[in-house]
Amino acid sequence: MMFYYLMICTFSLALLVSFGVMKIFSNSINQILARIINDPIHSAWAKYTKFAGMVVGTSSGIRIYDMEKYITPLTYTDNDKKIVIELTQERWVLEIYRTIIETLQGLAWMMLVFFMVALIAYVIVRWSEIKYQSKPSE
């Protein structure tokens, strides 16, 4: 039963952290996409980027394969003794800490990629604007 509580807790925490981070970066995402995409469609791209951030953050924070150790018996080679790791208070704290850190790490990588691509797009847009302005009027 504790395993189910842990799954619900880590999912909720990863979702909450992802929502908070996307809320913090929401204005920046909107402004960057409005500058790069000079069209009303930029708001749709901003919504998609925020949604992607929620998915990446939540999926990064919940490590299903790491959680399996609480329900799958581990076998030790000494005497083939099978045990399931117990969910103690210390393990709860560790899992909550891991959830927060992994969520932030996944979001940091996603935002790094987003901002790198946005920087490249901004340079291209700016270069084309300068090139267009310097072209003599006919």
N, C-alpha and C. Protein backbone atom coordinates (compact mmCIF):
# COMPACT_ATOMS: atom_id res chain seq x y z
N MET A 1 0.83 -1.19 0.00
CA MET A 1 0.00 0.00 0.00
C MET A 1 0.87 1.26 0.00
N MET A 2 2.00 1.20 0.70
CA MET A 2 2.90 2.35 0.74
C MET A 2 3.46 2.66 -0.64
N PHE A 3 3.62 1.63 -1.47
CA PHE A 3 4.13 1.83 -2.82
C PHE A 3 3.18 2.71 -3.63
N TYR A 4 1.89 2.47 -3.50
CA TYR A 4 0.91 3.28 -4.23
C TYR A 4 0.93 4.73 -3.76
N TYR A 5 1.08 4.92 -2.48
CA TYR A 5 1.19 6.28 -1.95
C TYR A 5 2.44 6.98 -2.50
N LEU A 6 3.52 6.22 -2.58
CA LEU A 6 4.77 6.78 -3.11
C LEU A 6 4.60 7.16 -4.58
N MET A 7 3.96 6.31 -5.37
CA MET A 7 3.73 6.62 -6.78
C MET A 7 2.86 7.87 -6.94
N ILE A 8 1.80 7.96 -6.18
CA ILE A 8 0.91 9.13 -6.26
C ILE A 8 1.65 10.38 -5.80
N CYS A 9 2.41 10.25 -4.74
CA CYS A 9 3.16 11.39 -4.20
C CYS A 9 4.22 11.89 -5.18
N THR A 10 5.00 10.97 -5.75
CA THR A 10 6.05 11.40 -6.69
C THR A 10 5.45 11.96 -7.97
N PHE A 11 4.35 11.38 -8.45
CA PHE A 11 3.69 11.91 -9.65
C PHE A 11 3.18 13.32 -9.38
N SER A 12 2.49 13.50 -8.26
CA SER A 12 1.95 14.82 -7.91
C SER A 12 3.07 15.85 -7.73
N LEU A 13 4.14 15.44 -7.10
CA LEU A 13 5.26 16.35 -6.86
C LEU A 13 5.95 16.73 -8.17
N ALA A 14 6.18 15.76 -9.04
CA ALA A 14 6.79 16.04 -10.34
C ALA A 14 5.90 16.96 -11.17
N LEU A 15 4.60 16.73 -11.12
CA LEU A 15 3.64 17.58 -11.84
C LEU A 15 3.64 19.00 -11.27
N LEU A 16 3.68 19.11 -9.97
CA LEU A 16 3.69 20.43 -9.32
C LEU A 16 4.98 21.20 -9.61
N VAL A 17 6.12 20.52 -9.54
CA VAL A 17 7.40 21.18 -9.84
C VAL A 17 7.44 21.60 -11.31
N SER A 18 6.96 20.73 -12.20
CA SER A 18 6.92 21.07 -13.63
C SER A 18 6.03 22.28 -13.88
N PHE A 19 4.88 22.31 -13.24
CA PHE A 19 3.97 23.43 -13.39
C PHE A 19 4.62 24.72 -12.90
N GLY A 20 5.29 24.66 -11.76
CA GLY A 20 5.96 25.85 -11.22
C GLY A 20 7.05 26.37 -12.15
N VAL A 21 7.86 25.46 -12.67
CA VAL A 21 8.94 25.88 -13.57
C VAL A 21 8.36 26.46 -14.86
N MET A 22 7.33 25.82 -15.41
CA MET A 22 6.72 26.35 -16.64
C MET A 22 6.05 27.70 -16.39
N LYS A 23 5.53 27.89 -15.20
CA LYS A 23 4.94 29.19 -14.83
C LYS A 23 6.02 30.27 -14.78
N ILE A 24 7.17 29.92 -14.23
CA ILE A 24 8.29 30.87 -14.13
C ILE A 24 8.78 31.26 -15.53
N PHE A 25 8.89 30.28 -16.43
CA PHE A 25 9.42 30.54 -17.76
C PHE A 25 8.36 30.93 -18.79
N SER A 26 7.10 30.96 -18.40
CA SER A 26 6.01 31.23 -19.32
C SER A 26 6.16 32.55 -20.06
N ASN A 27 6.45 33.61 -19.34
CA ASN A 27 6.60 34.92 -19.97
C ASN A 27 7.78 34.94 -20.95
N SER A 28 8.89 34.34 -20.57
CA SER A 28 10.06 34.29 -21.45
C SER A 28 9.75 33.51 -22.73
N ILE A 29 9.08 32.38 -22.58
CA ILE A 29 8.73 31.56 -23.75
C ILE A 29 7.82 32.36 -24.68
N ASN A 30 6.83 33.02 -24.11
CA ASN A 30 5.91 33.82 -24.93
C ASN A 30 6.64 34.93 -25.68
N GLN A 31 7.51 35.65 -24.99
CA GLN A 31 8.23 36.76 -25.62
C GLN A 31 9.18 36.28 -26.71
N ILE A 32 9.90 35.21 -26.44
CA ILE A 32 10.85 34.69 -27.43
C ILE A 32 10.13 34.22 -28.68
N LEU A 33 9.06 33.47 -28.50
CA LEU A 33 8.34 32.97 -29.66
C LEU A 33 7.61 34.08 -30.40
N ALA A 34 7.15 35.11 -29.69
CA ALA A 34 6.52 36.25 -30.35
C ALA A 34 7.53 37.00 -31.20
N ARG A 35 8.77 37.06 -30.76
CA ARG A 35 9.82 37.75 -31.52
C ARG A 35 10.27 36.94 -32.73
N ILE A 36 10.41 35.64 -32.54
CA ILE A 36 10.88 34.78 -33.63
C ILE A 36 9.77 34.55 -34.67
N ILE A 37 8.57 34.25 -34.18
CA ILE A 37 7.43 33.97 -35.07
C ILE A 37 6.53 35.20 -35.03
N ASN A 38 6.68 36.06 -35.98
CA ASN A 38 5.91 37.30 -36.02
C ASN A 38 4.53 37.03 -36.62
N ASP A 39 3.76 36.21 -35.90
CA ASP A 39 2.45 35.80 -36.36
C ASP A 39 1.66 35.36 -35.13
N PRO A 40 0.33 35.49 -35.16
CA PRO A 40 -0.46 35.07 -33.98
C PRO A 40 -0.30 33.59 -33.61
N ILE A 41 0.24 32.78 -34.50
CA ILE A 41 0.43 31.36 -34.22
C ILE A 41 1.48 31.12 -33.12
N HIS A 42 2.24 32.16 -32.79
CA HIS A 42 3.27 31.99 -31.74
C HIS A 42 2.66 31.57 -30.42
N SER A 43 1.42 31.98 -30.15
CA SER A 43 0.78 31.59 -28.89
C SER A 43 0.51 30.09 -28.85
N ALA A 44 0.18 29.50 -29.99
CA ALA A 44 -0.01 28.05 -30.04
C ALA A 44 1.31 27.32 -29.80
N TRP A 45 2.39 27.83 -30.38
CA TRP A 45 3.71 27.23 -30.15
C TRP A 45 4.12 27.38 -28.69
N ALA A 46 3.77 28.50 -28.07
CA ALA A 46 4.09 28.70 -26.66
C ALA A 46 3.34 27.70 -25.79
N LYS A 47 2.06 27.49 -26.10
CA LYS A 47 1.27 26.50 -25.34
C LYS A 47 1.86 25.10 -25.50
N TYR A 48 2.26 24.77 -26.73
CA TYR A 48 2.85 23.45 -26.97
C TYR A 48 4.16 23.30 -26.19
N THR A 49 4.98 24.34 -26.19
CA THR A 49 6.25 24.28 -25.48
C THR A 49 6.02 24.09 -23.98
N LYS A 50 5.03 24.77 -23.44
CA LYS A 50 4.72 24.61 -22.01
C LYS A 50 4.19 23.20 -21.72
N PHE A 51 3.35 22.70 -22.62
CA PHE A 51 2.85 21.33 -22.47
C PHE A 51 4.00 20.33 -22.52
N ALA A 52 4.90 20.52 -23.47
CA ALA A 52 6.07 19.64 -23.58
C ALA A 52 6.90 19.70 -22.30
N GLY A 53 7.03 20.89 -21.73
CA GLY A 53 7.75 21.03 -20.47
C GLY A 53 7.09 20.26 -19.34
N MET A 54 5.77 20.28 -19.30
CA MET A 54 5.05 19.53 -18.27
C MET A 54 5.28 18.02 -18.44
N VAL A 55 5.24 17.56 -19.68
CA VAL A 55 5.44 16.13 -19.95
C VAL A 55 6.88 15.71 -19.64
N VAL A 56 7.84 16.51 -20.11
CA VAL A 56 9.25 16.18 -19.87
C VAL A 56 9.56 16.20 -18.37
N GLY A 57 9.10 17.23 -17.69
CA GLY A 57 9.37 17.33 -16.26
C GLY A 57 8.75 16.19 -15.47
N THR A 58 7.49 15.89 -15.76
CA THR A 58 6.81 14.83 -15.02
C THR A 58 7.42 13.47 -15.31
N SER A 59 7.70 13.20 -16.58
CA SER A 59 8.29 11.89 -16.90
C SER A 59 9.72 11.77 -16.40
N SER A 60 10.44 12.88 -16.30
CA SER A 60 11.80 12.82 -15.75
C SER A 60 11.78 12.58 -14.25
N GLY A 61 10.79 13.14 -13.59
CA GLY A 61 10.73 13.04 -12.13
C GLY A 61 10.31 11.68 -11.62
N ILE A 62 9.55 10.96 -12.42
CA ILE A 62 9.09 9.64 -12.00
C ILE A 62 9.96 8.60 -12.68
N ARG A 63 10.72 7.89 -11.91
CA ARG A 63 11.62 6.88 -12.43
C ARG A 63 11.02 5.50 -12.15
N ILE A 64 10.21 5.02 -13.07
CA ILE A 64 9.48 3.77 -12.89
C ILE A 64 10.42 2.60 -12.61
N TYR A 65 11.52 2.53 -13.37
CA TYR A 65 12.43 1.39 -13.18
C TYR A 65 13.10 1.42 -11.81
N ASP A 66 13.31 2.60 -11.27
CA ASP A 66 13.87 2.69 -9.91
C ASP A 66 12.83 2.31 -8.87
N MET A 67 11.56 2.54 -9.16
CA MET A 67 10.49 2.23 -8.21
C MET A 67 10.23 0.72 -8.12
N GLU A 68 10.61 -0.01 -9.15
CA GLU A 68 10.35 -1.45 -9.16
C GLU A 68 11.03 -2.18 -8.00
N LYS A 69 12.08 -1.59 -7.47
CA LYS A 69 12.79 -2.26 -6.36
C LYS A 69 11.93 -2.39 -5.11
N TYR A 70 10.84 -1.61 -5.03
CA TYR A 70 9.96 -1.68 -3.87
C TYR A 70 8.89 -2.75 -4.00
N ILE A 71 8.75 -3.34 -5.19
CA ILE A 71 7.74 -4.38 -5.36
C ILE A 71 8.32 -5.69 -5.90
N THR A 72 9.53 -5.65 -6.46
CA THR A 72 10.16 -6.84 -7.03
C THR A 72 11.24 -7.33 -6.06
N PRO A 73 11.16 -8.59 -5.67
CA PRO A 73 12.20 -9.11 -4.76
C PRO A 73 13.57 -9.12 -5.42
N LEU A 74 14.56 -8.73 -4.65
CA LEU A 74 15.94 -8.78 -5.10
C LEU A 74 16.57 -10.07 -4.58
N THR A 75 17.38 -10.69 -5.38
CA THR A 75 18.03 -11.94 -4.98
C THR A 75 19.49 -11.67 -4.67
N TYR A 76 19.91 -12.10 -3.48
CA TYR A 76 21.31 -12.02 -3.11
C TYR A 76 21.96 -13.36 -3.39
N THR A 77 23.17 -13.36 -3.89
CA THR A 77 23.83 -14.59 -4.33
C THR A 77 24.35 -15.45 -3.18
N ASP A 78 24.49 -14.89 -2.01
CA ASP A 78 25.05 -15.67 -0.90
C ASP A 78 24.21 -16.91 -0.60
N ASN A 79 22.94 -16.71 -0.35
CA ASN A 79 22.09 -17.86 -0.02
C ASN A 79 20.75 -17.78 -0.75
N ASP A 80 20.76 -17.12 -1.91
CA ASP A 80 19.56 -16.96 -2.73
C ASP A 80 18.37 -16.45 -1.93
N LYS A 81 18.68 -15.57 -1.01
CA LYS A 81 17.63 -14.98 -0.20
C LYS A 81 16.97 -13.84 -0.99
N LYS A 82 15.65 -13.87 -1.08
CA LYS A 82 14.93 -12.84 -1.81
C LYS A 82 14.28 -11.89 -0.81
N ILE A 83 14.53 -10.59 -1.03
CA ILE A 83 13.92 -9.59 -0.16
C ILE A 83 13.39 -8.44 -1.02
N VAL A 84 12.40 -7.76 -0.49
CA VAL A 84 11.87 -6.55 -1.11
C VAL A 84 12.32 -5.39 -0.22
N ILE A 85 12.86 -4.36 -0.84
CA ILE A 85 13.33 -3.20 -0.08
C ILE A 85 12.15 -2.52 0.58
N GLU A 86 12.30 -2.24 1.85
CA GLU A 86 11.22 -1.64 2.64
C GLU A 86 11.19 -0.12 2.45
N LEU A 87 10.00 0.43 2.38
CA LEU A 87 9.83 1.88 2.26
C LEU A 87 9.85 2.51 3.65
N THR A 88 11.02 2.90 4.07
CA THR A 88 11.17 3.55 5.37
C THR A 88 11.04 5.06 5.20
N GLN A 89 11.06 5.77 6.31
CA GLN A 89 10.97 7.23 6.27
C GLN A 89 12.17 7.82 5.51
N GLU A 90 13.33 7.25 5.71
CA GLU A 90 14.53 7.72 5.01
C GLU A 90 14.40 7.52 3.50
N ARG A 91 13.85 6.39 3.09
CA ARG A 91 13.66 6.13 1.66
C ARG A 91 12.63 7.08 1.05
N TRP A 92 11.60 7.41 1.82
CA TRP A 92 10.61 8.39 1.35
C TRP A 92 11.29 9.73 1.09
N VAL A 93 12.08 10.17 2.02
CA VAL A 93 12.78 11.46 1.85
C VAL A 93 13.69 11.40 0.64
N LEU A 94 14.41 10.30 0.49
CA LEU A 94 15.30 10.13 -0.65
C LEU A 94 14.53 10.14 -1.97
N GLU A 95 13.41 9.44 -2.04
CA GLU A 95 12.61 9.39 -3.26
C GLU A 95 12.00 10.76 -3.59
N ILE A 96 11.58 11.49 -2.60
CA ILE A 96 11.03 12.83 -2.83
C ILE A 96 12.13 13.76 -3.32
N TYR A 97 13.29 13.67 -2.71
CA TYR A 97 14.43 14.48 -3.15
C TYR A 97 14.80 14.13 -4.60
N ARG A 98 14.88 12.85 -4.91
CA ARG A 98 15.20 12.41 -6.28
C ARG A 98 14.16 12.91 -7.28
N THR A 99 12.90 12.87 -6.89
CA THR A 99 11.84 13.33 -7.78
C THR A 99 12.01 14.80 -8.11
N ILE A 100 12.28 15.61 -7.11
CA ILE A 100 12.45 17.05 -7.34
C ILE A 100 13.67 17.29 -8.23
N ILE A 101 14.79 16.67 -7.89
CA ILE A 101 16.03 16.89 -8.65
C ILE A 101 15.90 16.39 -10.08
N GLU A 102 15.35 15.20 -10.28
CA GLU A 102 15.22 14.64 -11.62
C GLU A 102 14.24 15.47 -12.47
N THR A 103 13.18 15.97 -11.85
CA THR A 103 12.24 16.83 -12.57
C THR A 103 12.93 18.10 -13.03
N LEU A 104 13.65 18.73 -12.12
CA LEU A 104 14.37 19.96 -12.47
C LEU A 104 15.44 19.70 -13.52
N GLN A 105 16.11 18.58 -13.42
CA GLN A 105 17.16 18.24 -14.38
C GLN A 105 16.58 18.02 -15.78
N GLY A 106 15.49 17.30 -15.86
CA GLY A 106 14.84 17.09 -17.15
C GLY A 106 14.36 18.39 -17.77
N LEU A 107 13.79 19.25 -16.94
CA LEU A 107 13.33 20.56 -17.43
C LEU A 107 14.49 21.46 -17.83
N ALA A 108 15.58 21.38 -17.09
CA ALA A 108 16.75 22.20 -17.43
C ALA A 108 17.30 21.82 -18.80
N TRP A 109 17.37 20.52 -19.09
CA TRP A 109 17.84 20.08 -20.40
C TRP A 109 16.88 20.51 -21.50
N MET A 110 15.60 20.36 -21.25
CA MET A 110 14.62 20.76 -22.26
C MET A 110 14.69 22.25 -22.53
N MET A 111 14.78 23.05 -21.47
CA MET A 111 14.83 24.50 -21.64
C MET A 111 16.14 24.92 -22.30
N LEU A 112 17.22 24.23 -22.01
CA LEU A 112 18.50 24.52 -22.66
C LEU A 112 18.38 24.32 -24.17
N VAL A 113 17.81 23.19 -24.57
CA VAL A 113 17.62 22.91 -25.99
C VAL A 113 16.69 23.95 -26.61
N PHE A 114 15.60 24.26 -25.93
CA PHE A 114 14.66 25.27 -26.45
C PHE A 114 15.34 26.61 -26.64
N PHE A 115 16.08 27.07 -25.65
CA PHE A 115 16.71 28.38 -25.74
C PHE A 115 17.86 28.39 -26.76
N MET A 116 18.55 27.27 -26.92
CA MET A 116 19.60 27.21 -27.95
C MET A 116 18.98 27.32 -29.34
N VAL A 117 17.92 26.57 -29.59
CA VAL A 117 17.24 26.64 -30.88
C VAL A 117 16.64 28.03 -31.08
N ALA A 118 16.08 28.59 -30.03
CA ALA A 118 15.51 29.94 -30.12
C ALA A 118 16.58 30.98 -30.41
N LEU A 119 17.76 30.81 -29.84
CA LEU A 119 18.86 31.74 -30.10
C LEU A 119 19.29 31.67 -31.56
N ILE A 120 19.41 30.46 -32.07
CA ILE A 120 19.77 30.29 -33.48
C ILE A 120 18.70 30.91 -34.37
N ALA A 121 17.43 30.67 -34.05
CA ALA A 121 16.34 31.25 -34.84
C ALA A 121 16.35 32.77 -34.74
N TYR A 122 16.64 33.29 -33.56
CA TYR A 122 16.69 34.75 -33.39
C TYR A 122 17.80 35.36 -34.24
N VAL A 123 18.96 34.72 -34.27
CA VAL A 123 20.07 35.22 -35.08
C VAL A 123 19.68 35.22 -36.56
N ILE A 124 19.02 34.17 -37.00
CA ILE A 124 18.59 34.10 -38.41
C ILE A 124 17.57 35.19 -38.71
N VAL A 125 16.60 35.36 -37.83
CA VAL A 125 15.58 36.41 -38.03
C VAL A 125 16.23 37.78 -38.03
N ARG A 126 17.11 38.03 -37.09
CA ARG A 126 17.78 39.33 -36.99
C ARG A 126 18.65 39.57 -38.22
N TRP A 127 19.37 38.56 -38.68
CA TRP A 127 20.22 38.68 -39.86
C TRP A 127 19.37 39.02 -41.08
N SER A 128 18.21 38.36 -41.22
CA SER A 128 17.35 38.65 -42.37
C SER A 128 16.75 40.06 -42.28
N GLU A 129 16.46 40.53 -41.07
CA GLU A 129 15.96 41.89 -40.91
C GLU A 129 17.01 42.92 -41.30
N ILE A 130 18.23 42.69 -40.87
CA ILE A 130 19.33 43.62 -41.22
C ILE A 130 19.57 43.58 -42.72
N LYS A 131 19.56 42.41 -43.29
CA LYS A 131 19.78 42.28 -44.73
C LYS A 131 18.65 42.98 -45.50
N TYR A 132 17.43 42.83 -45.05
CA TYR A 132 16.29 43.48 -45.72
C TYR A 132 16.36 44.99 -45.60
N GLN A 133 16.76 45.49 -44.41
CA GLN A 133 16.85 46.95 -44.20
C GLN A 133 17.98 47.57 -45.01
N SER A 134 19.06 46.85 -45.19
CA SER A 134 20.20 47.41 -45.91
C SER A 134 20.02 47.34 -47.43
N LYS A 135 19.01 46.61 -47.90
CA LYS A 135 18.74 46.49 -49.34
C LYS A 135 18.21 47.85 -49.83
N PRO A 136 18.77 48.41 -50.89
CA PRO A 136 18.32 49.70 -51.38
C PRO A 136 16.88 49.63 -51.92
N SER A 137 16.11 50.66 -51.62
CA SER A 137 14.72 50.72 -52.08
C SER A 137 14.67 51.03 -53.56
N GLU A 138 13.81 50.39 -54.26
CA GLU A 138 13.74 50.62 -55.70
C GLU A 138 12.46 51.30 -56.07
